[in-house]
Amino acid sequence: MLIELLKPHTHAGVLHAPGTHLGIDEATARWLIERGVAKPTEAPDEPGVKPQPTARKGD
């Protein structure tokens, strides 16, 4: 699932700024959305910006 961060968020030890687009698993995306940290998005707003894939620990 593709999300856009609304607040700074550290994932796997990396700090991501608001506006960052991340491609993550749906459960993690829903968890972040429910807490107001992210919103779902269809595609990056800026041309040439690719979503940053992330992996959860244990994946």
PDB file of N, CA and C in Angstrom:
ATOM      1  N   MET A   1       0.847  -1.176   0.000  1.00  0.00           N
ATOM      2  CA  MET A   1       0.000   0.000   0.000  1.00  0.00           C
ATOM      3  C   MET A   1       0.889   1.234   0.000  1.00  0.00           C
ATOM      4  N   LEU A   2       0.485   2.243  -0.730  1.00  0.00           N
ATOM      5  CA  LEU A   2       1.253   3.475  -0.813  1.00  0.00           C
ATOM      6  C   LEU A   2       0.649   4.514   0.120  1.00  0.00           C
ATOM      7  N   ILE A   3       1.498   5.102   0.963  1.00  0.00           N
ATOM      8  CA  ILE A   3       1.045   6.138   1.895  1.00  0.00           C
ATOM      9  C   ILE A   3       1.921   7.375   1.759  1.00  0.00           C
ATOM     10  N   GLU A   4       1.400   8.488   2.272  1.00  0.00           N
ATOM     11  CA  GLU A   4       2.174   9.724   2.391  1.00  0.00           C
ATOM     12  C   GLU A   4       2.201  10.086   3.862  1.00  0.00           C
ATOM     13  N   LEU A   5       3.389  10.317   4.402  1.00  0.00           N
ATOM     14  CA  LEU A   5       3.511  10.671   5.816  1.00  0.00           C
ATOM     15  C   LEU A   5       3.019  12.093   6.053  1.00  0.00           C
ATOM     16  N   LEU A   6       2.277  12.275   7.139  1.00  0.00           N
ATOM     17  CA  LEU A   6       1.784  13.585   7.547  1.00  0.00           C
ATOM     18  C   LEU A   6       2.629  14.164   8.680  1.00  0.00           C
ATOM     19  N   LYS A   7       3.353  13.273   9.366  1.00  0.00           N
ATOM     20  CA  LYS A   7       4.206  13.649  10.497  1.00  0.00           C
ATOM     21  C   LYS A   7       5.539  12.932  10.339  1.00  0.00           C
ATOM     22  N   PRO A   8       6.600  13.424  10.981  1.00  0.00           N
ATOM     23  CA  PRO A   8       7.861  12.680  10.947  1.00  0.00           C
ATOM     24  C   PRO A   8       7.642  11.289  11.535  1.00  0.00           C
ATOM     25  N   HIS A   9       8.306  10.303  10.972  1.00  0.00           N
ATOM     26  CA  HIS A   9       8.136   8.932  11.436  1.00  0.00           C
ATOM     27  C   HIS A   9       9.445   8.168  11.245  1.00  0.00           C
ATOM     28  N   THR A  10       9.854   7.459  12.285  1.00  0.00           N
ATOM     29  CA  THR A  10      11.029   6.605  12.193  1.00  0.00           C
ATOM     30  C   THR A  10      10.578   5.185  11.916  1.00  0.00           C
ATOM     31  N   HIS A  11      11.099   4.629  10.846  1.00  0.00           N
ATOM     32  CA  HIS A  11      10.774   3.248  10.464  1.00  0.00           C
ATOM     33  C   HIS A  11      12.077   2.513  10.196  1.00  0.00           C
ATOM     34  N   ALA A  12      12.261   1.399  10.873  1.00  0.00           N
ATOM     35  CA  ALA A  12      13.480   0.586  10.734  1.00  0.00           C
ATOM     36  C   ALA A  12      14.738   1.418  10.953  1.00  0.00           C
ATOM     37  N   GLY A  13      14.665   2.342  11.917  1.00  0.00           N
ATOM     38  CA  GLY A  13      15.828   3.145  12.265  1.00  0.00           C
ATOM     39  C   GLY A  13      16.097   4.323  11.350  1.00  0.00           C
ATOM     40  N   VAL A  14      15.205   4.577  10.387  1.00  0.00           N
ATOM     41  CA  VAL A  14      15.392   5.686   9.445  1.00  0.00           C
ATOM     42  C   VAL A  14      14.272   6.708   9.654  1.00  0.00           C
ATOM     43  N   LEU A  15      14.659   7.962   9.882  1.00  0.00           N
ATOM     44  CA  LEU A  15      13.681   9.032  10.048  1.00  0.00           C
ATOM     45  C   LEU A  15      13.195   9.494   8.684  1.00  0.00           C
ATOM     46  N   HIS A  16      11.870   9.491   8.502  1.00  0.00           N
ATOM     47  CA  HIS A  16      11.251   9.941   7.260  1.00  0.00           C
ATOM     48  C   HIS A  16      10.472  11.220   7.557  1.00  0.00           C
ATOM     49  N   ALA A  17      10.587  12.211   6.700  1.00  0.00           N
ATOM     50  CA  ALA A  17       9.945  13.509   6.879  1.00  0.00           C
ATOM     51  C   ALA A  17       8.501  13.483   6.373  1.00  0.00           C
ATOM     52  N   PRO A  18       7.673  14.414   6.870  1.00  0.00           N
ATOM     53  CA  PRO A  18       6.324  14.552   6.318  1.00  0.00           C
ATOM     54  C   PRO A  18       6.410  14.763   4.803  1.00  0.00           C
ATOM     55  N   GLY A  19       5.459  14.192   4.084  1.00  0.00           N
ATOM     56  CA  GLY A  19       5.454  14.298   2.630  1.00  0.00           C
ATOM     57  C   GLY A  19       6.136  13.130   1.939  1.00  0.00           C
ATOM     58  N   THR A  20       6.867  12.306   2.698  1.00  0.00           N
ATOM     59  CA  THR A  20       7.527  11.144   2.120  1.00  0.00           C
ATOM     60  C   THR A  20       6.481  10.108   1.733  1.00  0.00           C
ATOM     61  N   HIS A  21       6.634   9.530   0.562  1.00  0.00           N
ATOM     62  CA  HIS A  21       5.760   8.453   0.111  1.00  0.00           C
ATOM     63  C   HIS A  21       6.466   7.132   0.382  1.00  0.00           C
ATOM     64  N   LEU A  22       5.731   6.210   1.017  1.00  0.00           N
ATOM     65  CA  LEU A  22       6.284   4.909   1.338  1.00  0.00           C
ATOM     66  C   LEU A  22       5.362   3.810   0.828  1.00  0.00           C
ATOM     67  N   GLY A  23       5.934   2.789   0.258  1.00  0.00           N
ATOM     68  CA  GLY A  23       5.197   1.591  -0.100  1.00  0.00           C
ATOM     69  C   GLY A  23       5.402   0.567   0.994  1.00  0.00           C
ATOM     70  N   ILE A  24       4.349   0.290   1.778  1.00  0.00           N
ATOM     71  CA  ILE A  24       4.470  -0.620   2.915  1.00  0.00           C
ATOM     72  C   ILE A  24       3.303  -1.600   2.914  1.00  0.00           C
ATOM     73  N   ASP A  25       3.401  -2.614   3.778  1.00  0.00           N
ATOM     74  CA  ASP A  25       2.327  -3.598   3.854  1.00  0.00           C
ATOM     75  C   ASP A  25       1.056  -2.935   4.398  1.00  0.00           C
ATOM     76  N   GLU A  26      -0.086  -3.505   4.052  1.00  0.00           N
ATOM     77  CA  GLU A  26      -1.366  -2.872   4.366  1.00  0.00           C
ATOM     78  C   GLU A  26      -1.611  -2.739   5.866  1.00  0.00           C
ATOM     79  N   ALA A  27      -1.234  -3.724   6.659  1.00  0.00           N
ATOM     80  CA  ALA A  27      -1.467  -3.660   8.105  1.00  0.00           C
ATOM     81  C   ALA A  27      -0.708  -2.491   8.737  1.00  0.00           C
ATOM     82  N   THR A  28       0.544  -2.320   8.363  1.00  0.00           N
ATOM     83  CA  THR A  28       1.332  -1.212   8.884  1.00  0.00           C
ATOM     84  C   THR A  28       0.779   0.123   8.403  1.00  0.00           C
ATOM     85  N   ALA A  29       0.387   0.175   7.138  1.00  0.00           N
ATOM     86  CA  ALA A  29      -0.192   1.406   6.584  1.00  0.00           C
ATOM     87  C   ALA A  29      -1.448   1.796   7.353  1.00  0.00           C
ATOM     88  N   ARG A  30      -2.332   0.854   7.592  1.00  0.00           N
ATOM     89  CA  ARG A  30      -3.579   1.137   8.333  1.00  0.00           C
ATOM     90  C   ARG A  30      -3.273   1.615   9.741  1.00  0.00           C
ATOM     91  N   TRP A  31      -2.280   1.008  10.382  1.00  0.00           N
ATOM     92  CA  TRP A  31      -1.883   1.396  11.736  1.00  0.00           C
ATOM     93  C   TRP A  31      -1.428   2.859  11.757  1.00  0.00           C
ATOM     94  N   LEU A  32      -0.607   3.244  10.782  1.00  0.00           N
ATOM     95  CA  LEU A  32      -0.124   4.628  10.702  1.00  0.00           C
ATOM     96  C   LEU A  32      -1.261   5.594  10.376  1.00  0.00           C
ATOM     97  N   ILE A  33      -2.158   5.206   9.484  1.00  0.00           N
ATOM     98  CA  ILE A  33      -3.289   6.058   9.103  1.00  0.00           C
ATOM     99  C   ILE A  33      -4.212   6.275  10.293  1.00  0.00           C
ATOM    100  N   GLU A  34      -4.518   5.221  11.037  1.00  0.00           N
ATOM    101  CA  GLU A  34      -5.394   5.318  12.206  1.00  0.00           C
ATOM    102  C   GLU A  34      -4.837   6.258  13.270  1.00  0.00           C
ATOM    103  N   ARG A  35      -3.540   6.398  13.323  1.00  0.00           N
ATOM    104  CA  ARG A  35      -2.894   7.250  14.318  1.00  0.00           C
ATOM    105  C   ARG A  35      -2.589   8.655  13.801  1.00  0.00           C
ATOM    106  N   GLY A  36      -3.023   8.949  12.578  1.00  0.00           N
ATOM    107  CA  GLY A  36      -2.842  10.290  12.024  1.00  0.00           C
ATOM    108  C   GLY A  36      -1.429  10.585  11.563  1.00  0.00           C
ATOM    109  N   VAL A  37      -0.621   9.545  11.395  1.00  0.00           N
ATOM    110  CA  VAL A  37       0.768   9.725  10.974  1.00  0.00           C
ATOM    111  C   VAL A  37       0.878   9.760   9.452  1.00  0.00           C
ATOM    112  N   ALA A  38      -0.079   9.126   8.769  1.00  0.00           N
ATOM    113  CA  ALA A  38      -0.012   9.013   7.315  1.00  0.00           C
ATOM    114  C   ALA A  38      -1.410   9.060   6.721  1.00  0.00           C
ATOM    115  N   LYS A  39      -1.438   9.214   5.397  1.00  0.00           N
ATOM    116  CA  LYS A  39      -2.702   9.123   4.662  1.00  0.00           C
ATOM    117  C   LYS A  39      -2.453   8.240   3.444  1.00  0.00           C
ATOM    118  N   PRO A  40      -3.490   7.544   2.984  1.00  0.00           N
ATOM    119  CA  PRO A  40      -3.313   6.727   1.783  1.00  0.00           C
ATOM    120  C   PRO A  40      -3.141   7.625   0.570  1.00  0.00           C
ATOM    121  N   THR A  41      -2.401   7.156  -0.398  1.00  0.00           N
ATOM    122  CA  THR A  41      -2.208   7.912  -1.623  1.00  0.00           C
ATOM    123  C   THR A  41      -2.124   6.950  -2.799  1.00  0.00           C
ATOM    124  N   GLU A  42      -2.498   7.429  -3.951  1.00  0.00           N
ATOM    125  CA  GLU A  42      -2.467   6.609  -5.158  1.00  0.00           C
ATOM    126  C   GLU A  42      -1.063   6.588  -5.771  1.00  0.00           C
ATOM    127  N   ALA A  43      -0.448   7.773  -5.857  1.00  0.00           N
ATOM    128  CA  ALA A  43       0.857   7.887  -6.506  1.00  0.00           C
ATOM    129  C   ALA A  43       1.555   9.137  -5.992  1.00  0.00           C
ATOM    130  N   PRO A  44       2.875   9.187  -6.083  1.00  0.00           N
ATOM    131  CA  PRO A  44       3.592  10.395  -5.679  1.00  0.00           C
ATOM    132  C   PRO A  44       3.115  11.612  -6.460  1.00  0.00           C
ATOM    133  N   ASP A  45       3.092  12.760  -5.786  1.00  0.00           N
ATOM    134  CA  ASP A  45       2.651  14.006  -6.411  1.00  0.00           C
ATOM    135  C   ASP A  45       3.686  14.577  -7.365  1.00  0.00           C
ATOM    136  N   GLU A  46       4.954  14.342  -7.065  1.00  0.00           N
ATOM    137  CA  GLU A  46       6.020  14.946  -7.862  1.00  0.00           C
ATOM    138  C   GLU A  46       6.512  13.972  -8.934  1.00  0.00           C
ATOM    139  N   PRO A  47       6.659  14.449 -10.169  1.00  0.00           N
ATOM    140  CA  PRO A  47       7.187  13.578 -11.219  1.00  0.00           C
ATOM    141  C   PRO A  47       8.574  13.071 -10.852  1.00  0.00           C
ATOM    142  N   GLY A  48       8.829  11.821 -11.139  1.00  0.00           N
ATOM    143  CA  GLY A  48      10.153  11.264 -10.885  1.00  0.00           C
ATOM    144  C   GLY A  48      10.377  10.785  -9.463  1.00  0.00           C
ATOM    145  N   VAL A  49       9.397  11.022  -8.566  1.00  0.00           N
ATOM    146  CA  VAL A  49       9.548  10.565  -7.182  1.00  0.00           C
ATOM    147  C   VAL A  49       8.966   9.171  -7.085  1.00  0.00           C
ATOM    148  N   LYS A  50       9.778   8.230  -6.629  1.00  0.00           N
ATOM    149  CA  LYS A  50       9.331   6.853  -6.496  1.00  0.00           C
ATOM    150  C   LYS A  50       9.072   6.561  -5.021  1.00  0.00           C
ATOM    151  N   PRO A  51       8.049   5.774  -4.739  1.00  0.00           N
ATOM    152  CA  PRO A  51       7.830   5.398  -3.340  1.00  0.00           C
ATOM    153  C   PRO A  51       9.025   4.634  -2.804  1.00  0.00           C
ATOM    154  N   GLN A  52       9.318   4.810  -1.523  1.00  0.00           N
ATOM    155  CA  GLN A  52      10.443   4.140  -0.902  1.00  0.00           C
ATOM    156  C   GLN A  52       9.941   2.853  -0.254  1.00  0.00           C
ATOM    157  N   PRO A  53      10.325   1.702  -0.785  1.00  0.00           N
ATOM    158  CA  PRO A  53       9.870   0.463  -0.174  1.00  0.00           C
ATOM    159  C   PRO A  53      10.502   0.269   1.183  1.00  0.00           C
ATOM    160  N   THR A  54       9.733  -0.274   2.109  1.00  0.00           N
ATOM    161  CA  THR A  54      10.255  -0.555   3.448  1.00  0.00           C
ATOM    162  C   THR A  54       9.865  -1.964   3.814  1.00  0.00           C
ATOM    163  N   ALA A  55      10.582  -2.536   4.729  1.00  0.00           N
ATOM    164  CA  ALA A  55      10.263  -3.874   5.210  1.00  0.00           C
ATOM    165  C   ALA A  55      10.100  -3.822   6.716  1.00  0.00           C
ATOM    166  N   ARG A  56       9.181  -4.604   7.218  1.00  0.00           N
ATOM    167  CA  ARG A  56       9.002  -4.705   8.665  1.00  0.00           C
ATOM    168  C   ARG A  56      10.016  -5.686   9.211  1.00  0.00           C
ATOM    169  N   LYS A  57      10.398  -5.497  10.458  1.00  0.00           N
ATOM    170  CA  LYS A  57      11.310  -6.448  11.095  1.00  0.00           C
ATOM    171  C   LYS A  57      10.677  -7.818  11.085  1.00  0.00           C
ATOM    172  N   GLY A  58      11.446  -8.822  10.763  1.00  0.00           N
ATOM    173  CA  GLY A  58      10.949 -10.179  10.720  1.00  0.00           C
ATOM    174  C   GLY A  58      10.441 -10.595   9.356  1.00  0.00           C
ATOM    175  N   ASP A  59      10.373  -9.654   8.421  1.00  0.00           N
ATOM    176  CA  ASP A  59       9.924  -9.994   7.046  1.00  0.00           C
ATOM    177  C   ASP A  59      11.066 -10.563   6.255  1.00  0.00           C
TER     178      ASP A  59
END
